[in-house]
Protein backbone atom coordinates (compact mmCIF):
# COMPACT_ATOMS: atom_id res chain seq x y z
CA MET A 1 2.14 53.45 -75.97
CA THR A 2 -0.54 51.17 -77.32
CA ARG A 3 0.52 48.41 -74.97
CA LEU A 4 0.45 50.77 -72.09
CA LYS A 5 -3.13 51.93 -72.97
CA LYS A 6 -4.19 48.31 -73.29
CA ARG A 7 -2.73 47.47 -69.83
CA TYR A 8 -4.58 50.44 -68.29
CA TRP A 9 -7.81 49.43 -69.99
CA ILE A 10 -7.60 45.84 -68.51
CA SER A 11 -6.85 47.20 -65.10
CA LEU A 12 -9.64 49.70 -65.23
CA SER A 13 -12.13 46.98 -66.53
CA LEU A 14 -11.16 44.72 -63.57
CA LEU A 15 -11.53 47.61 -61.07
CA LEU A 16 -15.01 48.44 -62.56
CA ILE A 17 -16.09 44.76 -62.23
CA ILE A 18 -14.89 44.71 -58.62
CA ILE A 19 -16.73 48.00 -57.85
CA LEU A 20 -19.92 46.68 -59.42
CA LEU A 21 -19.75 43.34 -57.68
CA SER A 22 -19.02 45.12 -54.34
CA LEU A 23 -22.01 47.43 -54.86
CA PHE A 24 -24.15 44.47 -55.68
CA GLY A 25 -22.87 42.56 -52.68
CA TRP A 26 -23.37 45.45 -50.44
CA GLN A 27 -26.93 46.00 -51.57
CA TYR A 28 -27.61 42.21 -51.04
CA TRP A 29 -25.96 42.44 -47.60
CA LEU A 30 -28.12 45.43 -46.55
CA SER A 31 -31.35 43.69 -47.62
CA PHE A 32 -30.32 40.44 -45.93
CA LYS A 33 -29.41 42.43 -42.73
CA GLN A 34 -32.82 44.15 -42.79
CA LYS A 35 -34.75 41.07 -43.45
CA TYR A 36 -33.26 39.19 -40.43
CA GLN A 37 -32.94 42.31 -38.10
CA LEU A 38 -29.28 41.94 -37.80
CA THR A 39 -26.96 44.37 -36.23
CA ILE A 40 -23.18 44.33 -37.20
CA ASN A 41 -20.23 45.87 -35.29
CA TRP A 42 -16.58 45.46 -35.91
CA GLN A 43 -13.19 46.62 -34.76
CA GLY A 44 -9.71 46.40 -36.18
CA ILE A 45 -10.71 45.69 -39.87
CA SER A 46 -7.91 45.02 -42.36
CA VAL A 47 -8.23 44.43 -46.10
CA GLY A 48 -5.40 43.16 -48.17
CA PHE A 49 -4.33 40.68 -50.82
CA ASN A 50 -4.24 37.97 -48.08
CA GLY A 51 -7.91 38.50 -47.33
CA LEU A 52 -10.17 40.18 -44.84
CA SER A 53 -9.42 40.37 -41.17
CA PHE A 54 -11.28 41.53 -38.04
CA THR A 55 -10.00 41.95 -34.55
CA ASP A 56 -13.63 41.80 -33.18
CA LEU A 57 -16.79 41.15 -35.05
CA THR A 58 -20.24 41.08 -33.43
CA VAL A 59 -23.49 40.01 -35.14
CA SER A 60 -26.71 40.04 -33.15
CA GLN A 61 -30.37 39.47 -34.06
CA SER A 62 -32.79 41.47 -32.04
CA SER A 63 -32.65 40.07 -28.46
CA MET A 64 -32.48 36.47 -29.54
CA LEU A 65 -28.98 35.73 -30.75
CA SER A 66 -25.55 37.23 -30.31
CA LEU A 67 -22.35 36.09 -32.14
CA THR A 68 -19.00 37.43 -31.24
CA VAL A 69 -15.83 36.56 -33.25
CA LYS A 70 -12.29 37.41 -32.23
CA GLU A 71 -9.24 37.35 -34.53
CA LEU A 72 -11.30 36.48 -37.60
CA HIS A 73 -9.44 35.95 -40.90
CA ILE A 74 -11.18 35.27 -44.20
CA SER A 75 -9.62 34.48 -47.60
CA TRP A 76 -10.43 32.36 -50.64
CA SER A 77 -8.46 29.51 -49.15
CA ASN A 78 -8.76 29.83 -45.43
CA LEU A 79 -11.17 30.89 -42.62
CA SER A 80 -9.78 31.04 -39.09
CA ALA A 81 -10.88 32.46 -35.84
CA GLU A 82 -9.43 32.44 -32.32
CA ASN A 83 -12.82 32.46 -30.55
CA ILE A 84 -16.49 32.37 -31.63
CA ASP A 85 -19.06 32.80 -28.91
CA ILE A 86 -22.72 32.19 -29.63
CA HIS A 87 -25.22 33.38 -27.05
CA TRP A 88 -28.84 32.35 -27.02
CA LEU A 89 -30.85 34.78 -24.84
CA SER A 90 -33.41 32.86 -22.94
CA ASP A 91 -35.70 35.84 -22.49
CA GLU A 92 -36.93 35.19 -26.05
CA THR A 93 -36.75 31.47 -25.75
CA HIS A 94 -40.52 31.09 -25.61
CA LYS A 95 -40.83 33.19 -28.85
CA ILE A 96 -38.41 30.85 -30.54
CA ALA A 97 -40.34 27.87 -29.35
CA ASN A 98 -43.65 29.27 -30.53
CA THR A 99 -42.16 29.91 -33.89
CA ALA A 100 -40.75 26.43 -34.04
CA GLU A 101 -44.08 25.03 -33.08
CA LYS A 102 -45.83 26.92 -35.87
CA GLU A 103 -43.25 25.67 -38.35
CA LEU A 104 -43.78 22.15 -37.20
CA ARG A 105 -47.53 22.41 -37.59
CA ARG A 106 -47.01 23.79 -40.97
CA GLU A 107 -44.75 20.94 -41.95
CA ASP A 108 -47.29 18.46 -40.66
CA LYS A 109 -49.75 19.79 -43.14
CA ASN A 110 -47.15 19.53 -45.94
CA PRO A 111 -44.65 16.83 -45.00
CA ASN A 112 -42.67 17.28 -48.13
CA GLN A 113 -42.04 20.96 -47.52
CA PHE A 114 -38.52 20.37 -46.10
CA ALA A 115 -36.30 18.90 -48.79
CA PHE A 116 -32.58 18.51 -49.14
CA ASP A 117 -31.47 21.39 -51.42
CA THR A 118 -28.71 19.67 -53.51
CA GLN A 119 -27.92 22.83 -55.44
CA LEU A 120 -27.38 24.89 -52.24
CA VAL A 121 -25.26 22.14 -50.71
CA SER A 122 -23.17 21.86 -53.93
CA SER A 123 -22.69 25.69 -54.02
CA ILE A 124 -21.64 25.78 -50.28
CA LEU A 125 -19.10 22.95 -50.76
CA HIS A 126 -17.72 24.65 -53.95
CA TRP A 127 -17.15 28.06 -52.35
CA LEU A 128 -16.10 26.82 -48.92
CA PRO A 129 -12.56 27.73 -48.06
CA ASN A 130 -9.93 25.03 -48.34
CA THR A 131 -9.45 25.04 -44.57
CA ILE A 132 -11.41 26.27 -41.69
CA ASN A 133 -9.92 26.45 -38.22
CA ILE A 134 -11.80 27.65 -35.17
CA HIS A 135 -9.78 27.39 -31.98
CA SER A 136 -12.80 27.78 -29.63
CA LEU A 137 -16.39 27.68 -30.63
CA ARG A 138 -18.50 28.36 -27.48
CA PHE A 139 -22.29 28.10 -27.05
CA TYR A 140 -24.05 29.91 -24.18
CA GLN A 141 -27.62 29.96 -22.86
CA GLN A 142 -27.55 33.59 -21.76
CA ASP A 143 -24.28 33.61 -19.71
CA LYS A 144 -24.28 29.89 -18.84
CA PRO A 145 -21.65 27.93 -20.90
CA LEU A 146 -23.14 24.88 -22.75
CA LEU A 147 -20.33 23.70 -24.99
CA ASP A 148 -16.77 24.56 -26.06
CA ILE A 149 -15.43 22.84 -29.10
CA LYS A 150 -12.51 23.16 -31.53
CA VAL A 151 -13.33 22.82 -35.15
CA ALA A 152 -10.96 21.88 -37.94
CA LEU A 153 -12.19 21.38 -41.67
CA GLU A 154 -10.12 20.60 -44.62
CA LYS A 155 -11.55 20.49 -48.13
CA GLN A 156 -10.28 17.73 -50.36
CA LEU A 157 -10.91 16.93 -53.96
CA GLU A 158 -14.41 15.54 -53.64
CA SER A 159 -14.92 15.54 -49.89
CA ILE A 160 -14.38 17.37 -46.63
CA LEU A 161 -12.35 16.15 -43.66
CA LEU A 162 -14.07 17.27 -40.48
CA ASN A 163 -12.62 17.12 -36.97
CA VAL A 164 -14.31 18.41 -33.83
CA SER A 165 -12.91 18.13 -30.37
CA THR A 166 -13.85 19.55 -26.96
CA ASN A 167 -11.94 22.14 -24.99
CA THR A 168 -13.18 21.12 -21.54
CA GLN A 169 -12.45 18.29 -19.14
CA TYR A 170 -15.25 16.47 -20.88
CA SER A 171 -12.96 14.95 -23.58
CA ALA A 172 -14.56 14.09 -26.87
CA ASN A 173 -13.39 13.91 -30.44
CA LEU A 174 -15.52 13.53 -33.60
CA SER A 175 -13.88 13.00 -37.04
CA ALA A 176 -15.56 12.08 -40.34
CA ILE A 177 -15.25 12.48 -44.11
CA ILE A 178 -18.27 14.34 -45.66
CA ALA A 179 -18.85 13.83 -49.39
CA PHE A 180 -21.61 15.11 -51.68
CA ASN A 181 -22.95 12.47 -54.12
CA GLU A 182 -24.56 14.56 -56.85
CA MET A 183 -25.95 11.56 -58.78
CA ASP A 184 -28.04 10.32 -55.85
CA SER A 185 -28.42 13.80 -54.28
CA ARG A 186 -27.00 12.49 -51.06
CA LEU A 187 -24.61 13.89 -48.47
CA GLU A 188 -22.57 10.92 -47.26
CA ILE A 189 -20.72 10.69 -43.92
CA GLN A 190 -17.76 8.24 -44.22
CA ASN A 191 -15.35 6.78 -41.68
CA GLY A 192 -16.92 8.66 -38.78
CA ILE A 193 -15.60 8.02 -35.29
CA LEU A 194 -16.60 9.46 -31.97
CA THR A 195 -14.26 8.81 -28.96
CA THR A 196 -14.96 10.26 -25.53
CA THR A 197 -13.58 10.20 -22.03
CA ILE A 198 -16.25 11.43 -19.56
CA ASN A 199 -15.72 12.54 -15.98
CA GLN A 200 -18.88 14.66 -15.72
CA PHE A 201 -22.69 14.38 -15.48
CA GLY A 202 -22.37 11.72 -12.72
CA ILE A 203 -20.03 9.62 -14.80
CA GLN A 204 -16.55 8.52 -13.66
CA ASN A 205 -13.94 7.37 -16.06
CA GLY A 206 -16.38 6.68 -18.97
CA HIS A 207 -14.98 5.66 -22.34
CA LEU A 208 -16.84 5.51 -25.64
CA ASN A 209 -15.40 4.41 -29.04
CA LEU A 210 -18.12 4.75 -31.72
CA PRO A 211 -17.23 4.27 -35.33
CA PHE A 212 -20.16 5.11 -37.70
CA THR A 213 -21.25 5.99 -41.21
CA GLY A 214 -24.33 7.82 -42.49
CA SER A 215 -26.12 9.77 -45.08
CA ILE A 216 -28.56 12.67 -45.53
CA THR A 217 -31.04 12.22 -48.41
CA GLY A 218 -34.21 14.38 -48.96
CA ASN A 219 -35.52 15.06 -45.50
CA ARG A 220 -34.00 12.00 -43.85
CA ILE A 221 -30.76 11.29 -41.93
CA ILE A 222 -29.40 7.71 -41.47
CA LEU A 223 -26.61 6.77 -39.04
CA THR A 224 -25.18 3.23 -38.72
CA ASN A 225 -22.27 1.84 -36.79
CA LEU A 226 -19.31 0.83 -38.93
CA ASP A 227 -17.98 -1.56 -36.35
CA THR A 228 -19.08 -2.63 -32.86
CA ALA A 229 -18.80 0.38 -30.49
CA ALA A 230 -17.14 -0.06 -27.11
CA ILE A 231 -18.78 1.44 -24.01
CA ASN A 232 -16.82 1.29 -20.69
CA LEU A 233 -17.87 3.06 -17.54
CA ALA A 234 -16.17 2.87 -14.10
CA LYS A 235 -19.23 4.49 -12.44
CA VAL A 236 -22.33 6.42 -13.32
CA ASN A 237 -24.97 7.87 -11.07
CA ILE A 238 -28.33 7.47 -13.00
CA SER A 239 -30.33 8.83 -10.02
CA ASP A 240 -30.28 8.89 -6.27
CA ASP A 241 -31.48 5.33 -6.35
CA VAL A 242 -29.56 3.85 -9.17
CA ILE A 243 -25.74 3.60 -9.54
CA LEU A 244 -23.99 1.57 -12.29
CA SER A 245 -20.31 0.51 -12.13
CA ASN A 246 -17.70 -1.50 -13.95
CA LEU A 247 -19.65 -1.54 -17.17
CA ILE A 248 -17.96 -3.30 -20.14
CA SER A 249 -20.16 -3.50 -23.22
CA LYS A 250 -20.46 -3.52 -26.94
CA LEU A 251 -22.99 -1.57 -28.97
CA SER A 252 -24.28 -1.70 -32.52
CA PHE A 253 -27.03 0.58 -33.90
CA GLN A 254 -28.94 2.11 -36.75
CA ILE A 255 -30.82 5.38 -36.48
CA GLU A 256 -33.08 7.00 -39.14
CA SER A 257 -34.86 10.29 -38.50
CA SER A 258 -36.58 13.11 -40.29
CA ILE A 259 -35.10 16.57 -40.74
CA PRO A 260 -36.15 18.44 -38.56
CA PHE A 261 -36.36 15.81 -35.73
CA LYS A 262 -39.82 14.63 -34.78
CA ASN A 263 -40.57 11.80 -32.39
CA ASN A 264 -43.15 10.12 -34.55
CA GLN A 265 -40.74 9.93 -37.50
CA LEU A 266 -37.76 8.53 -35.54
CA SER A 267 -36.67 4.84 -36.28
CA ALA A 268 -33.84 3.31 -34.29
CA THR A 269 -32.52 -0.16 -33.44
CA ALA A 270 -29.62 -0.96 -31.10
CA GLN A 271 -28.04 -4.05 -29.72
CA LEU A 272 -26.13 -3.86 -26.49
CA ALA A 273 -23.98 -6.86 -25.32
CA ILE A 274 -23.13 -6.47 -21.73
CA ASN A 275 -19.91 -8.32 -20.71
CA LYS A 276 -19.86 -7.04 -17.20
CA LEU A 277 -21.99 -4.73 -15.05
CA ASN A 278 -22.43 -4.10 -11.29
CA ALA A 279 -25.18 -1.95 -9.90
CA ILE A 280 -26.76 -0.50 -6.76
CA TYR A 281 -30.54 -0.03 -6.61
CA LYS A 282 -31.58 1.75 -3.36
CA ASN A 283 -30.24 -0.58 -0.64
CA SER A 284 -29.64 -3.55 -2.93
CA GLU A 285 -26.33 -4.59 -4.42
CA ILE A 286 -26.34 -6.26 -7.83
CA LYS A 287 -23.23 -8.10 -9.00
CA SER A 288 -22.01 -9.43 -12.38
CA VAL A 289 -24.79 -8.63 -14.89
CA THR A 290 -24.22 -10.21 -18.32
CA GLY A 291 -26.34 -10.75 -21.40
CA ASN A 292 -27.78 -9.03 -24.59
CA MET A 293 -30.39 -6.34 -24.91
CA ASN A 294 -32.26 -5.10 -28.00
CA LEU A 295 -33.77 -1.68 -28.26
CA SER A 296 -36.15 -0.46 -30.98
CA VAL A 297 -37.91 2.84 -31.54
CA LYS A 298 -40.43 3.10 -34.33
CA ASN A 299 -43.79 4.92 -34.94
CA ASN A 300 -43.55 6.48 -31.48
CA GLN A 301 -43.23 3.03 -29.88
CA LEU A 302 -40.40 1.97 -27.60
CA SER A 303 -39.39 -1.68 -27.26
CA ILE A 304 -36.65 -3.21 -25.10
CA SER A 305 -36.13 -6.91 -25.21
CA THR A 306 -33.56 -9.51 -24.03
CA PRO A 307 -33.22 -13.13 -25.01
CA SER A 308 -31.29 -13.64 -21.80
CA ILE A 309 -29.95 -11.50 -18.90
CA ASN A 310 -28.07 -13.18 -16.22
CA ILE A 311 -27.25 -11.83 -12.74
CA GLN A 312 -24.79 -13.65 -10.57
CA GLU A 313 -26.01 -12.18 -7.30
CA MET A 314 -28.47 -9.59 -5.80
CA ASN A 315 -28.28 -8.84 -2.12
CA VAL A 316 -31.39 -7.15 -0.66
CA GLY A 317 -30.70 -8.59 2.86
CA VAL A 318 -31.19 -12.14 1.66
CA ILE A 319 -29.12 -13.20 -1.37
CA PHE A 320 -30.74 -14.08 -4.67
CA GLU A 321 -28.38 -15.96 -6.93
CA LYS A 322 -28.34 -17.09 -10.63
CA ILE A 323 -31.02 -14.66 -11.63
CA LYS A 324 -32.21 -15.25 -15.23
CA PHE A 325 -34.66 -13.13 -17.18
CA ALA A 326 -35.85 -13.37 -20.75
CA GLY A 327 -38.61 -10.99 -21.96
CA ALA A 328 -39.53 -7.58 -23.26
CA TYR A 329 -40.84 -4.17 -22.28
CA SER A 330 -42.86 -1.96 -24.71
CA SER A 331 -44.47 1.42 -24.32
CA ILE A 332 -45.15 4.66 -26.20
CA LEU A 333 -42.39 7.23 -26.15
CA THR A 334 -44.61 9.88 -24.47
CA ALA A 335 -45.38 7.54 -21.52
CA PRO A 336 -42.44 5.18 -21.07
CA GLU A 337 -43.52 4.36 -17.51
CA LYS A 338 -46.88 2.96 -18.66
CA GLY A 339 -45.71 0.02 -20.72
CA ILE A 340 -46.26 -3.77 -20.76
CA VAL A 341 -43.66 -6.21 -19.39
CA VAL A 342 -43.81 -9.68 -21.01
CA TRP A 343 -41.51 -12.54 -19.81
CA LYS A 344 -40.81 -16.03 -20.94
CA ASN A 345 -38.38 -16.80 -18.14
CA ALA A 346 -37.93 -15.12 -14.67
CA GLN A 347 -36.23 -17.13 -12.00
CA ALA A 348 -33.60 -17.14 -9.26
CA THR A 349 -31.96 -19.38 -6.70
CA ILE A 350 -32.53 -18.57 -2.94
CA PHE A 351 -31.88 -20.68 0.19
CA SER A 352 -30.64 -23.56 -2.06
CA GLY A 353 -34.12 -23.60 -3.71
CA LYS A 354 -35.72 -21.87 -6.63
CA ILE A 355 -38.25 -19.08 -7.07
CA PHE A 356 -39.88 -18.29 -10.44
CA PHE A 357 -42.73 -16.60 -12.15
CA ASP A 358 -44.76 -18.53 -14.77
CA LYS A 359 -44.62 -17.08 -18.29
CA GLY A 360 -46.89 -14.01 -18.33
CA LYS A 361 -47.24 -10.26 -18.62
CA LEU A 362 -47.89 -7.17 -16.56
CA ASP A 363 -49.54 -4.01 -17.90
CA LEU A 364 -48.35 -1.05 -15.84
CA ALA A 365 -51.07 1.13 -17.32
CA LYS A 366 -53.75 -1.05 -15.86
CA LEU A 367 -52.74 -1.52 -12.23
CA PRO A 368 -53.38 -3.16 -9.79
CA GLN A 369 -52.53 -6.60 -11.35
CA GLN A 370 -51.54 -9.90 -9.88
CA VAL A 371 -48.77 -12.32 -10.62
CA ASN A 372 -47.91 -15.59 -8.80
CA LEU A 373 -44.41 -16.14 -7.40
CA ASN A 374 -43.67 -19.88 -7.08
CA LEU A 375 -41.26 -21.40 -4.53
CA THR A 376 -39.68 -24.88 -4.79
CA GLN A 377 -37.38 -26.78 -2.50
CA ILE A 378 -36.54 -23.78 -0.25
CA GLN A 379 -34.33 -25.19 2.52
CA LEU A 380 -35.37 -24.51 6.18
CA LYS A 381 -31.69 -24.90 7.38
CA ASP A 382 -30.54 -22.12 5.11
CA ILE A 383 -33.35 -19.83 6.25
CA LEU A 384 -32.35 -20.36 9.84
CA ALA A 385 -28.70 -19.84 9.01
CA LYS A 386 -29.45 -16.51 7.41
CA TYR A 387 -31.94 -15.41 10.11
CA PRO A 388 -30.65 -17.19 13.18
CA VAL A 389 -32.43 -17.67 16.48
CA GLU A 390 -30.21 -18.78 19.43
CA GLY A 391 -30.55 -22.47 19.96
CA LEU A 392 -32.88 -23.17 16.98
CA VAL A 393 -31.87 -25.55 14.19
CA GLY A 394 -34.00 -27.25 11.64
CA ASN A 395 -34.19 -29.13 8.38
CA GLY A 396 -36.78 -29.70 5.64
CA ALA A 397 -37.85 -28.34 2.19
CA ILE A 398 -40.64 -25.96 1.44
CA ASP A 399 -42.79 -25.24 -1.68
CA GLY A 400 -45.34 -22.42 -2.11
CA THR A 401 -47.06 -19.91 -4.09
CA LEU A 402 -47.28 -16.16 -3.23
CA PRO A 403 -49.98 -14.12 -5.13
CA ILE A 404 -48.34 -10.72 -5.52
CA THR A 405 -50.47 -7.78 -6.38
CA LEU A 406 -48.75 -4.72 -7.71
CA SER A 407 -50.45 -1.38 -7.31
CA GLU A 408 -49.65 2.21 -8.04
CA VAL A 409 -49.70 4.90 -5.31
CA LYS A 410 -49.34 8.64 -5.90
CA ASN A 411 -48.06 10.91 -3.13
CA LYS A 412 -47.03 14.54 -3.44
CA GLY A 413 -46.68 14.25 -7.21
CA LYS A 414 -44.52 11.16 -6.99
CA THR A 415 -45.62 7.73 -8.18
CA THR A 416 -44.41 4.59 -6.32
CA PHE A 417 -45.28 0.84 -6.67
CA HIS A 418 -46.55 -1.09 -3.69
CA LEU A 419 -46.60 -4.85 -3.26
CA LEU A 420 -49.38 -6.86 -1.64
CA ILE A 421 -49.62 -10.52 -0.71
CA LYS A 422 -52.86 -12.02 0.39
CA ASN A 423 -53.38 -15.64 1.20
CA GLY A 424 -50.05 -16.91 0.08
CA GLN A 425 -49.39 -20.61 0.84
CA LEU A 426 -46.29 -22.44 2.02
CA THR A 427 -46.08 -26.21 2.61
CA SER A 428 -43.44 -28.74 3.42
CA THR A 429 -42.53 -31.32 0.75
CA ASN A 430 -41.45 -33.94 3.09
CA GLN A 431 -40.75 -34.61 6.77
CA GLY A 432 -38.32 -32.49 8.80
CA TYR A 433 -37.31 -31.56 12.29
CA LEU A 434 -36.88 -28.65 14.60
CA GLN A 435 -34.68 -28.49 17.60
CA PHE A 436 -35.02 -25.53 19.98
CA GLU A 437 -33.20 -25.10 23.24
CA ASN A 438 -31.59 -22.02 24.69
CA PRO A 439 -30.96 -20.42 28.22
CA ALA A 440 -33.79 -17.92 27.81
CA LEU A 441 -36.26 -20.76 27.17
CA LYS A 442 -34.98 -22.64 30.25
CA ASP A 443 -35.47 -19.55 32.43
CA TYR A 444 -38.90 -19.19 31.01
CA VAL A 445 -39.78 -22.78 32.07
CA LYS A 446 -38.48 -22.15 35.62
CA ASN A 447 -41.12 -19.44 36.03
CA ASN A 448 -43.75 -21.34 34.02
CA PRO A 449 -43.53 -25.07 34.98
CA LYS A 450 -46.66 -25.93 32.84
CA MET A 451 -44.60 -25.06 29.70
CA LYS A 452 -41.99 -27.76 30.42
CA ILE A 453 -43.66 -30.30 28.19
CA LEU A 454 -43.69 -27.94 25.34
CA THR A 455 -40.02 -27.12 25.63
CA ASP A 456 -39.24 -30.85 25.94
CA ILE A 457 -41.10 -31.58 22.71
CA LEU A 458 -39.20 -28.76 20.90
CA LYS A 459 -35.83 -30.25 21.93
CA ASN A 460 -36.21 -32.79 19.11
CA PHE A 461 -39.43 -32.22 17.23
CA HIS A 462 -39.93 -34.18 14.08
CA TYR A 463 -42.73 -32.71 11.95
CA THR A 464 -44.65 -34.54 9.32
CA LYS A 465 -46.43 -31.41 7.90
CA LEU A 466 -45.56 -27.76 8.00
CA THR A 467 -47.88 -25.17 6.32
CA SER A 468 -48.14 -21.43 6.54
CA LYS A 469 -50.55 -18.77 5.35
CA VAL A 470 -48.55 -15.60 4.23
CA ASP A 471 -49.90 -12.03 4.13
CA TYR A 472 -47.84 -8.88 3.33
CA ALA A 473 -48.73 -5.21 3.24
CA ASN A 474 -47.04 -1.91 4.15
CA ASP A 475 -43.66 -3.65 4.86
CA ILE A 476 -45.38 -6.00 7.47
CA ALA A 477 -45.33 -9.71 6.82
CA LYS A 478 -47.67 -12.03 8.78
CA LEU A 479 -47.16 -15.83 8.83
CA GLY A 480 -49.83 -18.22 10.24
CA LEU A 481 -47.81 -21.41 10.92
CA ASN A 482 -49.32 -24.90 11.40
CA ILE A 483 -46.84 -27.62 12.34
CA GLN A 484 -47.87 -31.24 12.92
CA GLY A 485 -45.51 -33.84 14.28
CA SER A 486 -44.11 -35.42 17.49
CA ASN A 487 -41.08 -36.04 19.74
CA SER A 488 -40.57 -39.79 20.23
CA ASP A 489 -38.88 -39.14 23.62
CA VAL A 490 -41.89 -37.26 25.01
CA GLU A 491 -45.21 -38.98 25.91
CA ASN A 492 -44.48 -41.97 23.72
CA GLY A 493 -44.26 -39.85 20.66
CA LYS A 494 -47.77 -38.40 21.01
CA ALA A 495 -48.88 -36.32 17.97
CA VAL A 496 -48.72 -32.56 18.47
CA ASN A 497 -50.31 -29.76 16.38
CA PHE A 498 -48.68 -26.25 16.81
CA ASN A 499 -50.36 -23.09 15.61
CA ILE A 500 -47.90 -20.15 15.69
CA THR A 501 -48.43 -16.59 14.38
CA LEU A 502 -45.35 -14.54 13.46
CA GLU A 503 -45.19 -10.88 12.38
CA GLU A 504 -42.14 -9.05 11.07
CA ASN A 505 -41.31 -5.67 9.56
CA ILE A 506 -39.59 -6.89 6.37
CA ALA A 507 -38.01 -3.47 5.54
CA LYS A 508 -36.35 -3.23 8.92
CA LEU A 509 -35.36 -6.97 8.82
CA MET A 510 -33.71 -6.59 5.44
CA THR A 511 -31.89 -3.50 6.66
CA SER A 512 -30.67 -5.36 9.73
CA LEU A 513 -29.50 -8.36 7.68
CA LEU A 514 -27.65 -6.10 5.21
CA LEU A 515 -25.80 -4.29 8.08
CA SER A 516 -24.86 -7.60 9.63
CA ASP A 517 -23.52 -8.88 6.27
CA GLN A 518 -20.38 -8.06 4.32
CA ILE A 519 -21.92 -5.38 2.11
CA SER A 520 -20.18 -2.74 0.09
CA GLU A 521 -19.28 0.59 1.57
CA PRO A 522 -21.68 2.59 -0.64
CA ILE A 523 -24.66 0.42 0.55
CA ARG A 524 -23.65 0.82 4.20
CA LYS A 525 -23.36 4.58 3.83
CA ARG A 526 -26.85 4.77 2.09
CA ILE A 527 -28.39 2.76 5.02
CA GLU A 528 -26.65 4.68 7.78
CA SER A 529 -27.70 8.06 6.25
CA ARG A 530 -31.31 6.90 6.02
CA LEU A 531 -31.29 5.72 9.60
CA LYS A 532 -30.13 9.07 11.01
């Protein structure tokens, strides 16, 4: 009898403790719900030794946030749910933004206000169920779906194994081990890896393999690559003017940021090694880009530099080959288009000769500015082969300097850059020849006998000097040619001085040359669509 009474006393004591804890928890829950203006609704509740289950559970906060859970099960060792839908209601977005802005201003006055609460994190990790499985966690902006992911979490002895994957055709998987270092008050992210296969957002057959590690200490988060990340893209549409394709590259990085995120407290470095890249820019085709690029973000400053970028070929109507560039671009994050370009090397091969810019810089915030383009050993025969005139052949080499002025033009809210060349100079480096004879010229002479001597000279004209003044504006190039020389077969080789003025719409000429060349189908379609 005494044992029976003792057994009842123990049971009653446990029941009393459970009731008191329930009352305390209920009161705490009511105050919490009132403080944050929460509304709770549920259906199909079930309570048992296996835990607490809901068929449907809805939690909403005023008209700002709504959370709906289906098939939710909670126990000491497990939390699982079939679906969790989180809706942000954009009617109140401006209120959220205003609140966030006030909080940021408050934090700027007291930058140490946000701190990593080690005790809270330790308590969360301690009371966290051993496993968490959410089949579908979906985020919405009003009724527009933003993200659909699957979450699996497993608590181990001193760490948590996290696995997140997408449920859409945008395939991505994130896995990492999360551990709390009490001694250093640090949350550590170990053996993280992000893998994706992307066929959305203008990307075709994109692959990313990104191993990383990181930590959260105080109000800072640091992420660093564990091994070199691989980035491969079959094709990506950056904009209507820019398409990248066949990208094969390696990436390493380190990112350090404040919590919450603020631009002026972001520090990041990245190194991108491009093994292969093709591109299209407007009507230009770029083939086989290789080289290394370095990116740095610190104190609201952006810097992109390269010790060497090489481009095998760029076809704009005429073909630039063996393009080399070494330099840097820097700007502030809030105005990335107003930066400064500095270069040590900028050169290319064209018409068997070379063009290059002397070492210099260009400040895009202080336009217009001028840079000089130098030409050396440009071969006349290659120009005539690319831009043929029936019956005209020639030989010789040309040097020159073209002063290019870059200016900024705003039209209907859009900013474009315009090029201007004034008083450019071209000159021959040695003697050469021109031979010009075709049926149209012969017919012209029949109707104009006085021009026969001119046509006879041009049949085999050897020049001693060829110079040209070059001007360019609004797509129109003007050349003022002066050619001095003679034909030994005409008038005993009497010296002749030709002055010729040529004018050409360069944009139309480049388009015509592209269409007559073996260009890629995307370029051809772009040109034809713009000509319609």
